[in-house]
Structures are given as structure tokens and as C-alpha cells.
mmCIF file of all heavy atoms, coordinates in Angstrom:
data_MODEL
# 
_entry.id   MODEL 
# 
loop_
_atom_site.group_PDB 
_atom_site.id 
_atom_site.type_symbol 
_atom_site.label_atom_id 
_atom_site.label_alt_id 
_atom_site.label_comp_id 
_atom_site.label_asym_id 
_atom_site.label_entity_id 
_atom_site.label_seq_id 
_atom_site.pdbx_PDB_ins_code 
_atom_site.Cartn_x 
_atom_site.Cartn_y 
_atom_site.Cartn_z 
_atom_site.occupancy 
_atom_site.B_iso_or_equiv 
_atom_site.pdbx_formal_charge 
_atom_site.auth_seq_id 
_atom_site.auth_comp_id 
_atom_site.auth_asym_id 
_atom_site.auth_atom_id 
_atom_site.pdbx_PDB_model_num 
ATOM 1   N N   . GLU A 1 1  ? -100.060 -134.566 -24.217 1.00 0.00 ? 1  GLU A N   1 
ATOM 2   C CA  . GLU A 1 1  ? -101.215 -134.329 -25.066 1.00 0.00 ? 1  GLU A CA  1 
ATOM 3   C C   . GLU A 1 1  ? -101.354 -135.351 -26.160 1.00 0.00 ? 1  GLU A C   1 
ATOM 4   O O   . GLU A 1 1  ? -102.383 -135.438 -26.838 1.00 0.00 ? 1  GLU A O   1 
ATOM 5   C CB  . GLU A 1 1  ? -101.105 -132.928 -25.655 1.00 0.00 ? 1  GLU A CB  1 
ATOM 6   C CG  . GLU A 1 1  ? -101.227 -131.828 -24.608 1.00 0.00 ? 1  GLU A CG  1 
ATOM 7   C CD  . GLU A 1 1  ? -100.898 -130.436 -25.134 1.00 0.00 ? 1  GLU A CD  1 
ATOM 8   O OE1 . GLU A 1 1  ? -100.372 -130.320 -26.264 1.00 0.00 ? 1  GLU A OE1 1 
ATOM 9   O OE2 . GLU A 1 1  ? -101.189 -129.465 -24.439 1.00 0.00 ? 1  GLU A OE2 1 
ATOM 10  N N   . ILE A 1 2  ? -100.347 -136.213 -26.336 1.00 0.00 ? 2  ILE A N   1 
ATOM 11  C CA  . ILE A 1 2  ? -100.463 -137.356 -27.240 1.00 0.00 ? 2  ILE A CA  1 
ATOM 12  C C   . ILE A 1 2  ? -101.689 -138.191 -26.903 1.00 0.00 ? 2  ILE A C   1 
ATOM 13  O O   . ILE A 1 2  ? -102.339 -138.772 -27.794 1.00 0.00 ? 2  ILE A O   1 
ATOM 14  C CB  . ILE A 1 2  ? -99.181  -138.216 -27.176 1.00 0.00 ? 2  ILE A CB  1 
ATOM 15  C CG1 . ILE A 1 2  ? -98.005  -137.475 -27.827 1.00 0.00 ? 2  ILE A CG1 1 
ATOM 16  C CG2 . ILE A 1 2  ? -99.387  -139.573 -27.842 1.00 0.00 ? 2  ILE A CG2 1 
ATOM 17  C CD1 . ILE A 1 2  ? -96.647  -138.175 -27.605 1.00 0.00 ? 2  ILE A CD1 1 
ATOM 18  N N   . ILE A 1 3  ? -102.040 -138.267 -25.623 1.00 0.00 ? 3  ILE A N   1 
ATOM 19  C CA  . ILE A 1 3  ? -103.176 -139.080 -25.196 1.00 0.00 ? 3  ILE A CA  1 
ATOM 20  C C   . ILE A 1 3  ? -104.476 -138.570 -25.804 1.00 0.00 ? 3  ILE A C   1 
ATOM 21  O O   . ILE A 1 3  ? -105.440 -139.320 -25.981 1.00 0.00 ? 3  ILE A O   1 
ATOM 22  C CB  . ILE A 1 3  ? -103.279 -139.108 -23.656 1.00 0.00 ? 3  ILE A CB  1 
ATOM 23  C CG1 . ILE A 1 3  ? -101.938 -139.571 -23.053 1.00 0.00 ? 3  ILE A CG1 1 
ATOM 24  C CG2 . ILE A 1 3  ? -104.410 -139.992 -23.177 1.00 0.00 ? 3  ILE A CG2 1 
ATOM 25  C CD1 . ILE A 1 3  ? -101.517 -140.950 -23.515 1.00 0.00 ? 3  ILE A CD1 1 
ATOM 26  N N   . GLY A 1 4  ? -104.553 -137.295 -26.154 1.00 0.00 ? 4  GLY A N   1 
ATOM 27  C CA  . GLY A 1 4  ? -105.719 -136.807 -26.833 1.00 0.00 ? 4  GLY A CA  1 
ATOM 28  C C   . GLY A 1 4  ? -105.913 -137.437 -28.196 1.00 0.00 ? 4  GLY A C   1 
ATOM 29  O O   . GLY A 1 4  ? -107.042 -137.633 -28.666 1.00 0.00 ? 4  GLY A O   1 
ATOM 30  N N   . TYR A 1 5  ? -104.812 -137.818 -28.827 1.00 0.00 ? 5  TYR A N   1 
ATOM 31  C CA  . TYR A 1 5  ? -104.867 -138.474 -30.135 1.00 0.00 ? 5  TYR A CA  1 
ATOM 32  C C   . TYR A 1 5  ? -104.955 -140.003 -29.995 1.00 0.00 ? 5  TYR A C   1 
ATOM 33  O O   . TYR A 1 5  ? -105.507 -140.681 -30.869 1.00 0.00 ? 5  TYR A O   1 
ATOM 34  C CB  . TYR A 1 5  ? -103.622 -138.123 -30.946 1.00 0.00 ? 5  TYR A CB  1 
ATOM 35  C CG  . TYR A 1 5  ? -103.653 -136.728 -31.525 1.00 0.00 ? 5  TYR A CG  1 
ATOM 36  C CD1 . TYR A 1 5  ? -103.503 -135.615 -30.716 1.00 0.00 ? 5  TYR A CD1 1 
ATOM 37  C CD2 . TYR A 1 5  ? -103.829 -136.512 -32.892 1.00 0.00 ? 5  TYR A CD2 1 
ATOM 38  C CE1 . TYR A 1 5  ? -103.548 -134.309 -31.217 1.00 0.00 ? 5  TYR A CE1 1 
ATOM 39  C CE2 . TYR A 1 5  ? -103.867 -135.231 -33.409 1.00 0.00 ? 5  TYR A CE2 1 
ATOM 40  C CZ  . TYR A 1 5  ? -103.712 -134.135 -32.572 1.00 0.00 ? 5  TYR A CZ  1 
ATOM 41  O OH  . TYR A 1 5  ? -103.759 -132.866 -33.086 1.00 0.00 ? 5  TYR A OH  1 
ATOM 42  N N   . LEU A 1 6  ? -104.407 -140.530 -28.928 1.00 0.00 ? 6  LEU A N   1 
ATOM 43  C CA  . LEU A 1 6  ? -104.393 -141.972 -28.691 1.00 0.00 ? 6  LEU A CA  1 
ATOM 44  C C   . LEU A 1 6  ? -104.914 -142.216 -27.264 1.00 0.00 ? 6  LEU A C   1 
ATOM 45  O O   . LEU A 1 6  ? -104.142 -142.568 -26.369 1.00 0.00 ? 6  LEU A O   1 
ATOM 46  C CB  . LEU A 1 6  ? -102.955 -142.520 -28.815 1.00 0.00 ? 6  LEU A CB  1 
ATOM 47  C CG  . LEU A 1 6  ? -102.361 -142.443 -30.241 1.00 0.00 ? 6  LEU A CG  1 
ATOM 48  C CD1 . LEU A 1 6  ? -100.860 -142.612 -30.193 1.00 0.00 ? 6  LEU A CD1 1 
ATOM 49  C CD2 . LEU A 1 6  ? -103.006 -143.459 -31.135 1.00 0.00 ? 6  LEU A CD2 1 
ATOM 50  N N   . PRO A 1 7  ? -106.219 -142.063 -27.049 1.00 0.00 ? 7  PRO A N   1 
ATOM 51  C CA  . PRO A 1 7  ? -106.802 -142.103 -25.721 1.00 0.00 ? 7  PRO A CA  1 
ATOM 52  C C   . PRO A 1 7  ? -106.986 -143.535 -25.183 1.00 0.00 ? 7  PRO A C   1 
ATOM 53  O O   . PRO A 1 7  ? -108.086 -144.016 -24.988 1.00 0.00 ? 7  PRO A O   1 
ATOM 54  C CB  . PRO A 1 7  ? -108.153 -141.412 -25.890 1.00 0.00 ? 7  PRO A CB  1 
ATOM 55  C CG  . PRO A 1 7  ? -108.526 -141.753 -27.293 1.00 0.00 ? 7  PRO A CG  1 
ATOM 56  C CD  . PRO A 1 7  ? -107.258 -141.753 -28.069 1.00 0.00 ? 7  PRO A CD  1 
ATOM 57  N N   . MET A 1 8  ? -105.870 -144.201 -24.958 1.00 0.00 ? 8  MET A N   1 
ATOM 58  C CA  . MET A 1 8  ? -105.914 -145.568 -24.463 1.00 0.00 ? 8  MET A CA  1 
ATOM 59  C C   . MET A 1 8  ? -106.466 -145.614 -23.061 1.00 0.00 ? 8  MET A C   1 
ATOM 60  O O   . MET A 1 8  ? -106.249 -144.699 -22.247 1.00 0.00 ? 8  MET A O   1 
ATOM 61  C CB  . MET A 1 8  ? -104.484 -146.126 -24.472 1.00 0.00 ? 8  MET A CB  1 
ATOM 62  C CG  . MET A 1 8  ? -104.348 -147.552 -24.021 1.00 0.00 ? 8  MET A CG  1 
ATOM 63  S SD  . MET A 1 8  ? -102.608 -148.052 -24.173 1.00 0.00 ? 8  MET A SD  1 
ATOM 64  C CE  . MET A 1 8  ? -102.754 -149.756 -23.681 1.00 0.00 ? 8  MET A CE  1 
ATOM 65  N N   . GLY A 1 9  ? -107.198 -146.626 -22.703 1.00 0.00 ? 9  GLY A N   1 
ATOM 66  C CA  . GLY A 1 9  ? -107.619 -146.845 -21.331 1.00 0.00 ? 9  GLY A CA  1 
ATOM 67  C C   . GLY A 1 9  ? -109.102 -147.035 -21.136 1.00 0.00 ? 9  GLY A C   1 
ATOM 68  O O   . GLY A 1 9  ? -109.887 -147.017 -22.082 1.00 0.00 ? 9  GLY A O   1 
ATOM 69  N N   . GLY A 1 10 ? -109.468 -147.244 -19.882 1.00 0.00 ? 10 GLY A N   1 
ATOM 70  C CA  . GLY A 1 10 ? -110.872 -147.369 -19.525 1.00 0.00 ? 10 GLY A CA  1 
ATOM 71  C C   . GLY A 1 10 ? -111.386 -148.796 -19.482 1.00 0.00 ? 10 GLY A C   1 
ATOM 72  O O   . GLY A 1 10 ? -112.593 -149.003 -19.407 1.00 0.00 ? 10 GLY A O   1 
ATOM 73  N N   . TRP A 1 11 ? -110.492 -149.781 -19.499 1.00 0.00 ? 11 TRP A N   1 
ATOM 74  C CA  . TRP A 1 11 ? -110.938 -151.173 -19.410 1.00 0.00 ? 11 TRP A CA  1 
ATOM 75  C C   . TRP A 1 11 ? -110.000 -151.909 -18.452 1.00 0.00 ? 11 TRP A C   1 
ATOM 76  O O   . TRP A 1 11 ? -108.834 -151.547 -18.292 1.00 0.00 ? 11 TRP A O   1 
ATOM 77  C CB  . TRP A 1 11 ? -110.914 -151.827 -20.795 1.00 0.00 ? 11 TRP A CB  1 
ATOM 78  C CG  . TRP A 1 11 ? -109.717 -151.472 -21.619 1.00 0.00 ? 11 TRP A CG  1 
ATOM 79  C CD1 . TRP A 1 11 ? -109.618 -150.476 -22.529 1.00 0.00 ? 11 TRP A CD1 1 
ATOM 80  C CD2 . TRP A 1 11 ? -108.436 -152.080 -21.579 1.00 0.00 ? 11 TRP A CD2 1 
ATOM 81  N NE1 . TRP A 1 11 ? -108.353 -150.402 -23.066 1.00 0.00 ? 11 TRP A NE1 1 
ATOM 82  C CE2 . TRP A 1 11 ? -107.611 -151.407 -22.518 1.00 0.00 ? 11 TRP A CE2 1 
ATOM 83  C CE3 . TRP A 1 11 ? -107.888 -153.137 -20.885 1.00 0.00 ? 11 TRP A CE3 1 
ATOM 84  C CZ2 . TRP A 1 11 ? -106.285 -151.725 -22.743 1.00 0.00 ? 11 TRP A CZ2 1 
ATOM 85  C CZ3 . TRP A 1 11 ? -106.537 -153.497 -21.094 1.00 0.00 ? 11 TRP A CZ3 1 
ATOM 86  C CH2 . TRP A 1 11 ? -105.785 -152.796 -22.023 1.00 0.00 ? 11 TRP A CH2 1 
ATOM 87  N N   . ASN A 1 12 ? -110.540 -152.965 -17.802 1.00 0.00 ? 12 ASN A N   1 
ATOM 88  C CA  . ASN A 1 12 ? -109.809 -153.713 -16.801 1.00 0.00 ? 12 ASN A CA  1 
ATOM 89  C C   . ASN A 1 12 ? -109.163 -152.751 -15.814 1.00 0.00 ? 12 ASN A C   1 
ATOM 90  O O   . ASN A 1 12 ? -109.780 -151.878 -15.292 1.00 0.00 ? 12 ASN A O   1 
ATOM 91  C CB  . ASN A 1 12 ? -108.781 -154.635 -17.457 1.00 0.00 ? 12 ASN A CB  1 
ATOM 92  C CG  . ASN A 1 12 ? -109.451 -155.769 -18.249 1.00 0.00 ? 12 ASN A CG  1 
ATOM 93  O OD1 . ASN A 1 12 ? -110.644 -155.971 -18.175 1.00 0.00 ? 12 ASN A OD1 1 
ATOM 94  N ND2 . ASN A 1 12 ? -108.664 -156.477 -19.021 1.00 0.00 ? 12 ASN A ND2 1 
ATOM 95  N N   . GLU A 1 13 ? -107.857 -152.909 -15.562 1.00 0.00 ? 13 GLU A N   1 
ATOM 96  C CA  . GLU A 1 13 ? -107.152 -152.051 -14.622 1.00 0.00 ? 13 GLU A CA  1 
ATOM 97  C C   . GLU A 1 13 ? -106.518 -150.838 -15.277 1.00 0.00 ? 13 GLU A C   1 
ATOM 98  O O   . GLU A 1 13 ? -105.822 -150.029 -14.618 1.00 0.00 ? 13 GLU A O   1 
ATOM 99  C CB  . GLU A 1 13 ? -106.059 -152.863 -13.886 1.00 0.00 ? 13 GLU A CB  1 
ATOM 100 C CG  . GLU A 1 13 ? -106.564 -154.044 -13.098 1.00 0.00 ? 13 GLU A CG  1 
ATOM 101 C CD  . GLU A 1 13 ? -107.357 -153.641 -11.876 1.00 0.00 ? 13 GLU A CD  1 
ATOM 102 O OE1 . GLU A 1 13 ? -107.231 -152.484 -11.459 1.00 0.00 ? 13 GLU A OE1 1 
ATOM 103 O OE2 . GLU A 1 13 ? -108.129 -154.469 -11.347 1.00 0.00 ? 13 GLU A OE2 1 
ATOM 104 N N   . CYS A 1 14 ? -106.723 -150.658 -16.586 1.00 0.00 ? 14 CYS A N   1 
ATOM 105 C CA  . CYS A 1 14 ? -106.092 -149.553 -17.310 1.00 0.00 ? 14 CYS A CA  1 
ATOM 106 C C   . CYS A 1 14 ? -106.803 -148.235 -16.951 1.00 0.00 ? 14 CYS A C   1 
ATOM 107 O O   . CYS A 1 14 ? -108.040 -148.171 -17.016 1.00 0.00 ? 14 CYS A O   1 
ATOM 108 C CB  . CYS A 1 14 ? -106.163 -149.823 -18.809 1.00 0.00 ? 14 CYS A CB  1 
ATOM 109 S SG  . CYS A 1 14 ? -105.151 -148.696 -19.789 1.00 0.00 ? 14 CYS A SG  1 
ATOM 110 N N   . PRO A 1 15 ? -106.055 -147.198 -16.614 1.00 0.00 ? 15 PRO A N   1 
ATOM 111 C CA  . PRO A 1 15 ? -106.696 -145.917 -16.247 1.00 0.00 ? 15 PRO A CA  1 
ATOM 112 C C   . PRO A 1 15 ? -107.559 -145.376 -17.408 1.00 0.00 ? 15 PRO A C   1 
ATOM 113 O O   . PRO A 1 15 ? -107.294 -145.658 -18.561 1.00 0.00 ? 15 PRO A O   1 
ATOM 114 C CB  . PRO A 1 15 ? -105.498 -145.005 -16.006 1.00 0.00 ? 15 PRO A CB  1 
ATOM 115 C CG  . PRO A 1 15 ? -104.345 -145.898 -15.681 1.00 0.00 ? 15 PRO A CG  1 
ATOM 116 C CD  . PRO A 1 15 ? -104.576 -147.129 -16.511 1.00 0.00 ? 15 PRO A CD  1 
ATOM 117 N N   . MET A 1 16 ? -108.528 -144.569 -17.060 1.00 0.00 ? 16 MET A N   1 
ATOM 118 C CA  . MET A 1 16 ? -109.312 -143.882 -18.049 1.00 0.00 ? 16 MET A CA  1 
ATOM 119 C C   . MET A 1 16 ? -108.430 -142.877 -18.804 1.00 0.00 ? 16 MET A C   1 
ATOM 120 O O   . MET A 1 16 ? -107.420 -142.414 -18.239 1.00 0.00 ? 16 MET A O   1 
ATOM 121 C CB  . MET A 1 16 ? -110.484 -143.138 -17.404 1.00 0.00 ? 16 MET A CB  1 
ATOM 122 C CG  . MET A 1 16 ? -111.499 -144.045 -16.729 1.00 0.00 ? 16 MET A CG  1 
ATOM 123 S SD  . MET A 1 16 ? -112.402 -145.001 -17.954 1.00 0.00 ? 16 MET A SD  1 
ATOM 124 C CE  . MET A 1 16 ? -113.359 -143.722 -18.794 1.00 0.00 ? 16 MET A CE  1 
ATOM 125 N N   . PRO A 1 17 ? -108.772 -142.524 -20.053 1.00 0.00 ? 17 PRO A N   1 
ATOM 126 C CA  . PRO A 1 17 ? -107.952 -141.541 -20.782 1.00 0.00 ? 17 PRO A CA  1 
ATOM 127 C C   . PRO A 1 17 ? -107.760 -140.246 -20.014 1.00 0.00 ? 17 PRO A C   1 
ATOM 128 O O   . PRO A 1 17 ? -106.662 -139.656 -20.036 1.00 0.00 ? 17 PRO A O   1 
ATOM 129 C CB  . PRO A 1 17 ? -108.724 -141.336 -22.077 1.00 0.00 ? 17 PRO A CB  1 
ATOM 130 C CG  . PRO A 1 17 ? -109.476 -142.620 -22.278 1.00 0.00 ? 17 PRO A CG  1 
ATOM 131 C CD  . PRO A 1 17 ? -109.831 -143.070 -20.894 1.00 0.00 ? 17 PRO A CD  1 
ATOM 132 N N   . GLU A 1 18 ? -108.769 -139.796 -19.295 1.00 0.00 ? 18 GLU A N   1 
ATOM 133 C CA  . GLU A 1 18 ? -108.658 -138.537 -18.532 1.00 0.00 ? 18 GLU A CA  1 
ATOM 134 C C   . GLU A 1 18 ? -107.649 -138.696 -17.395 1.00 0.00 ? 18 GLU A C   1 
ATOM 135 O O   . GLU A 1 18 ? -106.976 -137.705 -17.036 1.00 0.00 ? 18 GLU A O   1 
ATOM 136 C CB  . GLU A 1 18 ? -110.032 -138.171 -17.960 1.00 0.00 ? 18 GLU A CB  1 
ATOM 137 C CG  . GLU A 1 18 ? -111.072 -137.779 -18.970 1.00 0.00 ? 18 GLU A CG  1 
ATOM 138 C CD  . GLU A 1 18 ? -111.723 -139.018 -19.641 1.00 0.00 ? 18 GLU A CD  1 
ATOM 139 O OE1 . GLU A 1 18 ? -111.425 -140.158 -19.235 1.00 0.00 ? 18 GLU A OE1 1 
ATOM 140 O OE2 . GLU A 1 18 ? -112.541 -138.812 -20.543 1.00 0.00 ? 18 GLU A OE2 1 
ATOM 141 N N   . GLU A 1 19 ? -107.534 -139.883 -16.835 1.00 0.00 ? 19 GLU A N   1 
ATOM 142 C CA  . GLU A 1 19 ? -106.508 -140.155 -15.830 1.00 0.00 ? 19 GLU A CA  1 
ATOM 143 C C   . GLU A 1 19 ? -105.158 -140.344 -16.472 1.00 0.00 ? 19 GLU A C   1 
ATOM 144 O O   . GLU A 1 19 ? -104.122 -139.869 -15.973 1.00 0.00 ? 19 GLU A O   1 
ATOM 145 C CB  . GLU A 1 19 ? -106.879 -141.401 -15.034 1.00 0.00 ? 19 GLU A CB  1 
ATOM 146 C CG  . GLU A 1 19 ? -108.181 -141.297 -14.257 1.00 0.00 ? 19 GLU A CG  1 
ATOM 147 C CD  . GLU A 1 19 ? -108.585 -142.609 -13.602 1.00 0.00 ? 19 GLU A CD  1 
ATOM 148 O OE1 . GLU A 1 19 ? -108.436 -143.663 -14.246 1.00 0.00 ? 19 GLU A OE1 1 
ATOM 149 O OE2 . GLU A 1 19 ? -108.978 -142.572 -12.450 1.00 0.00 ? 19 GLU A OE2 1 
ATOM 150 N N   . MET A 1 20 ? -105.147 -141.036 -17.592 1.00 0.00 ? 20 MET A N   1 
ATOM 151 C CA  . MET A 1 20 ? -103.902 -141.324 -18.307 1.00 0.00 ? 20 MET A CA  1 
ATOM 152 C C   . MET A 1 20 ? -103.157 -140.048 -18.683 1.00 0.00 ? 20 MET A C   1 
ATOM 153 O O   . MET A 1 20 ? -101.941 -139.905 -18.493 1.00 0.00 ? 20 MET A O   1 
ATOM 154 C CB  . MET A 1 20 ? -104.247 -142.112 -19.577 1.00 0.00 ? 20 MET A CB  1 
ATOM 155 C CG  . MET A 1 20 ? -103.016 -142.564 -20.363 1.00 0.00 ? 20 MET A CG  1 
ATOM 156 S SD  . MET A 1 20 ? -102.287 -144.098 -19.765 1.00 0.00 ? 20 MET A SD  1 
ATOM 157 C CE  . MET A 1 20 ? -103.510 -145.304 -20.334 1.00 0.00 ? 20 MET A CE  1 
ATOM 158 N N   . ILE A 1 21 ? -103.881 -139.060 -19.212 1.00 0.00 ? 21 ILE A N   1 
ATOM 159 C CA  . ILE A 1 21 ? -103.213 -137.817 -19.647 1.00 0.00 ? 21 ILE A CA  1 
ATOM 160 C C   . ILE A 1 21 ? -102.639 -137.065 -18.454 1.00 0.00 ? 21 ILE A C   1 
ATOM 161 O O   . ILE A 1 21 ? -101.543 -136.497 -18.525 1.00 0.00 ? 21 ILE A O   1 
ATOM 162 C CB  . ILE A 1 21 ? -104.173 -136.924 -20.464 1.00 0.00 ? 21 ILE A CB  1 
ATOM 163 C CG1 . ILE A 1 21 ? -103.423 -135.810 -21.155 1.00 0.00 ? 21 ILE A CG1 1 
ATOM 164 C CG2 . ILE A 1 21 ? -105.290 -136.398 -19.634 1.00 0.00 ? 21 ILE A CG2 1 
ATOM 165 C CD1 . ILE A 1 21 ? -104.260 -135.021 -22.146 1.00 0.00 ? 21 ILE A CD1 1 
ATOM 166 N N   . ALA A 1 22 ? -103.328 -137.096 -17.298 1.00 0.00 ? 22 ALA A N   1 
ATOM 167 C CA  . ALA A 1 22 ? -102.836 -136.421 -16.109 1.00 0.00 ? 22 ALA A CA  1 
ATOM 168 C C   . ALA A 1 22 ? -101.581 -137.102 -15.572 1.00 0.00 ? 22 ALA A C   1 
ATOM 169 O O   . ALA A 1 22 ? -100.619 -136.447 -15.160 1.00 0.00 ? 22 ALA A O   1 
ATOM 170 C CB  . ALA A 1 22 ? -103.915 -136.376 -15.035 1.00 0.00 ? 22 ALA A CB  1 
ATOM 171 N N   . VAL A 1 23 ? -101.562 -138.415 -15.593 1.00 0.00 ? 23 VAL A N   1 
ATOM 172 C CA  . VAL A 1 23 ? -100.378 -139.174 -15.141 1.00 0.00 ? 23 VAL A CA  1 
ATOM 173 C C   . VAL A 1 23 ? -99.212  -138.912 -16.074 1.00 0.00 ? 23 VAL A C   1 
ATOM 174 O O   . VAL A 1 23 ? -98.072  -138.714 -15.609 1.00 0.00 ? 23 VAL A O   1 
ATOM 175 C CB  . VAL A 1 23 ? -100.674 -140.671 -15.038 1.00 0.00 ? 23 VAL A CB  1 
ATOM 176 C CG1 . VAL A 1 23 ? -99.402  -141.471 -14.783 1.00 0.00 ? 23 VAL A CG1 1 
ATOM 177 C CG2 . VAL A 1 23 ? -101.697 -140.946 -13.938 1.00 0.00 ? 23 VAL A CG2 1 
ATOM 178 N N   . CYS A 1 24 ? -99.464  -138.894 -17.380 1.00 0.00 ? 24 CYS A N   1 
ATOM 179 C CA  . CYS A 1 24 ? -98.390  -138.595 -18.340 1.00 0.00 ? 24 CYS A CA  1 
ATOM 180 C C   . CYS A 1 24 ? -97.795  -137.220 -18.103 1.00 0.00 ? 24 CYS A C   1 
ATOM 181 O O   . CYS A 1 24 ? -96.582  -137.028 -18.217 1.00 0.00 ? 24 CYS A O   1 
ATOM 182 C CB  . CYS A 1 24 ? -98.902  -138.734 -19.753 1.00 0.00 ? 24 CYS A CB  1 
ATOM 183 S SG  . CYS A 1 24 ? -99.232  -140.444 -20.269 1.00 0.00 ? 24 CYS A SG  1 
ATOM 184 N N   . LYS A 1 25 ? -98.638  -136.266 -17.785 1.00 0.00 ? 25 LYS A N   1 
ATOM 185 C CA  . LYS A 1 25 ? -98.166  -134.901 -17.497 1.00 0.00 ? 25 LYS A CA  1 
ATOM 186 C C   . LYS A 1 25 ? -97.273  -134.918 -16.256 1.00 0.00 ? 25 LYS A C   1 
ATOM 187 O O   . LYS A 1 25 ? -96.183  -134.314 -16.233 1.00 0.00 ? 25 LYS A O   1 
ATOM 188 C CB  . LYS A 1 25 ? -99.334  -133.950 -17.295 1.00 0.00 ? 25 LYS A CB  1 
ATOM 189 C CG  . LYS A 1 25 ? -98.950  -132.498 -17.056 1.00 0.00 ? 25 LYS A CG  1 
ATOM 190 C CD  . LYS A 1 25 ? -100.207 -131.620 -16.974 1.00 0.00 ? 25 LYS A CD  1 
ATOM 191 C CE  . LYS A 1 25 ? -99.852  -130.135 -16.947 1.00 0.00 ? 25 LYS A CE  1 
ATOM 192 N NZ  . LYS A 1 25 ? -99.169  -129.741 -15.698 1.00 0.00 ? 25 LYS A NZ  1 
ATOM 193 N N   . TYR A 1 26 ? -97.729  -135.582 -15.224 1.00 0.00 ? 26 TYR A N   1 
ATOM 194 C CA  . TYR A 1 26 ? -96.987  -135.675 -13.970 1.00 0.00 ? 26 TYR A CA  1 
ATOM 195 C C   . TYR A 1 26 ? -95.636  -136.336 -14.191 1.00 0.00 ? 26 TYR A C   1 
ATOM 196 O O   . TYR A 1 26 ? -94.604  -135.872 -13.718 1.00 0.00 ? 26 TYR A O   1 
ATOM 197 C CB  . TYR A 1 26 ? -97.834  -136.450 -12.957 1.00 0.00 ? 26 TYR A CB  1 
ATOM 198 C CG  . TYR A 1 26 ? -97.126  -136.910 -11.728 1.00 0.00 ? 26 TYR A CG  1 
ATOM 199 C CD1 . TYR A 1 26 ? -96.552  -135.989 -10.836 1.00 0.00 ? 26 TYR A CD1 1 
ATOM 200 C CD2 . TYR A 1 26 ? -97.031  -138.271 -11.401 1.00 0.00 ? 26 TYR A CD2 1 
ATOM 201 C CE1 . TYR A 1 26 ? -95.892  -136.401 -9.673  1.00 0.00 ? 26 TYR A CE1 1 
ATOM 202 C CE2 . TYR A 1 26 ? -96.405  -138.679 -10.246 1.00 0.00 ? 26 TYR A CE2 1 
ATOM 203 C CZ  . TYR A 1 26 ? -95.815  -137.751 -9.400  1.00 0.00 ? 26 TYR A CZ  1 
ATOM 204 O OH  . TYR A 1 26 ? -95.176  -138.160 -8.252  1.00 0.00 ? 26 TYR A OH  1 
ATOM 205 N N   . TRP A 1 27 ? -95.619  -137.446 -14.927 1.00 0.00 ? 27 TRP A N   1 
ATOM 206 C CA  . TRP A 1 27 ? -94.360  -138.153 -15.173 1.00 0.00 ? 27 TRP A CA  1 
ATOM 207 C C   . TRP A 1 27 ? -93.414  -137.390 -16.067 1.00 0.00 ? 27 TRP A C   1 
ATOM 208 O O   . TRP A 1 27 ? -92.187  -137.470 -15.890 1.00 0.00 ? 27 TRP A O   1 
ATOM 209 C CB  . TRP A 1 27 ? -94.644  -139.534 -15.760 1.00 0.00 ? 27 TRP A CB  1 
ATOM 210 C CG  . TRP A 1 27 ? -95.014  -140.537 -14.703 1.00 0.00 ? 27 TRP A CG  1 
ATOM 211 C CD1 . TRP A 1 27 ? -94.893  -140.384 -13.337 1.00 0.00 ? 27 TRP A CD1 1 
ATOM 212 C CD2 . TRP A 1 27 ? -95.512  -141.858 -14.899 1.00 0.00 ? 27 TRP A CD2 1 
ATOM 213 N NE1 . TRP A 1 27 ? -95.307  -141.526 -12.700 1.00 0.00 ? 27 TRP A NE1 1 
ATOM 214 C CE2 . TRP A 1 27 ? -95.687  -142.448 -13.616 1.00 0.00 ? 27 TRP A CE2 1 
ATOM 215 C CE3 . TRP A 1 27 ? -95.837  -142.591 -16.040 1.00 0.00 ? 27 TRP A CE3 1 
ATOM 216 C CZ2 . TRP A 1 27 ? -96.171  -143.733 -13.452 1.00 0.00 ? 27 TRP A CZ2 1 
ATOM 217 C CZ3 . TRP A 1 27 ? -96.317  -143.867 -15.876 1.00 0.00 ? 27 TRP A CZ3 1 
ATOM 218 C CH2 . TRP A 1 27 ? -96.489  -144.447 -14.587 1.00 0.00 ? 27 TRP A CH2 1 
# 
């Protein structure tokens, strides 16, 4: 849920924040 505060992503090859938070949960 840290990604909600620091929603990195959405440019170049970086995942979108919505994808980032799901991957962080999985990992």
C-alpha cells in the first residue's frame, strides 16, 4: 500500500501504479 503514497510508474517500460501495487502485493 506504500504505492498509494508513492505511485511511481506509467512512463517508458515502468508499470502503471495500478500494476505496480499488484506486483508489490504478489512479491
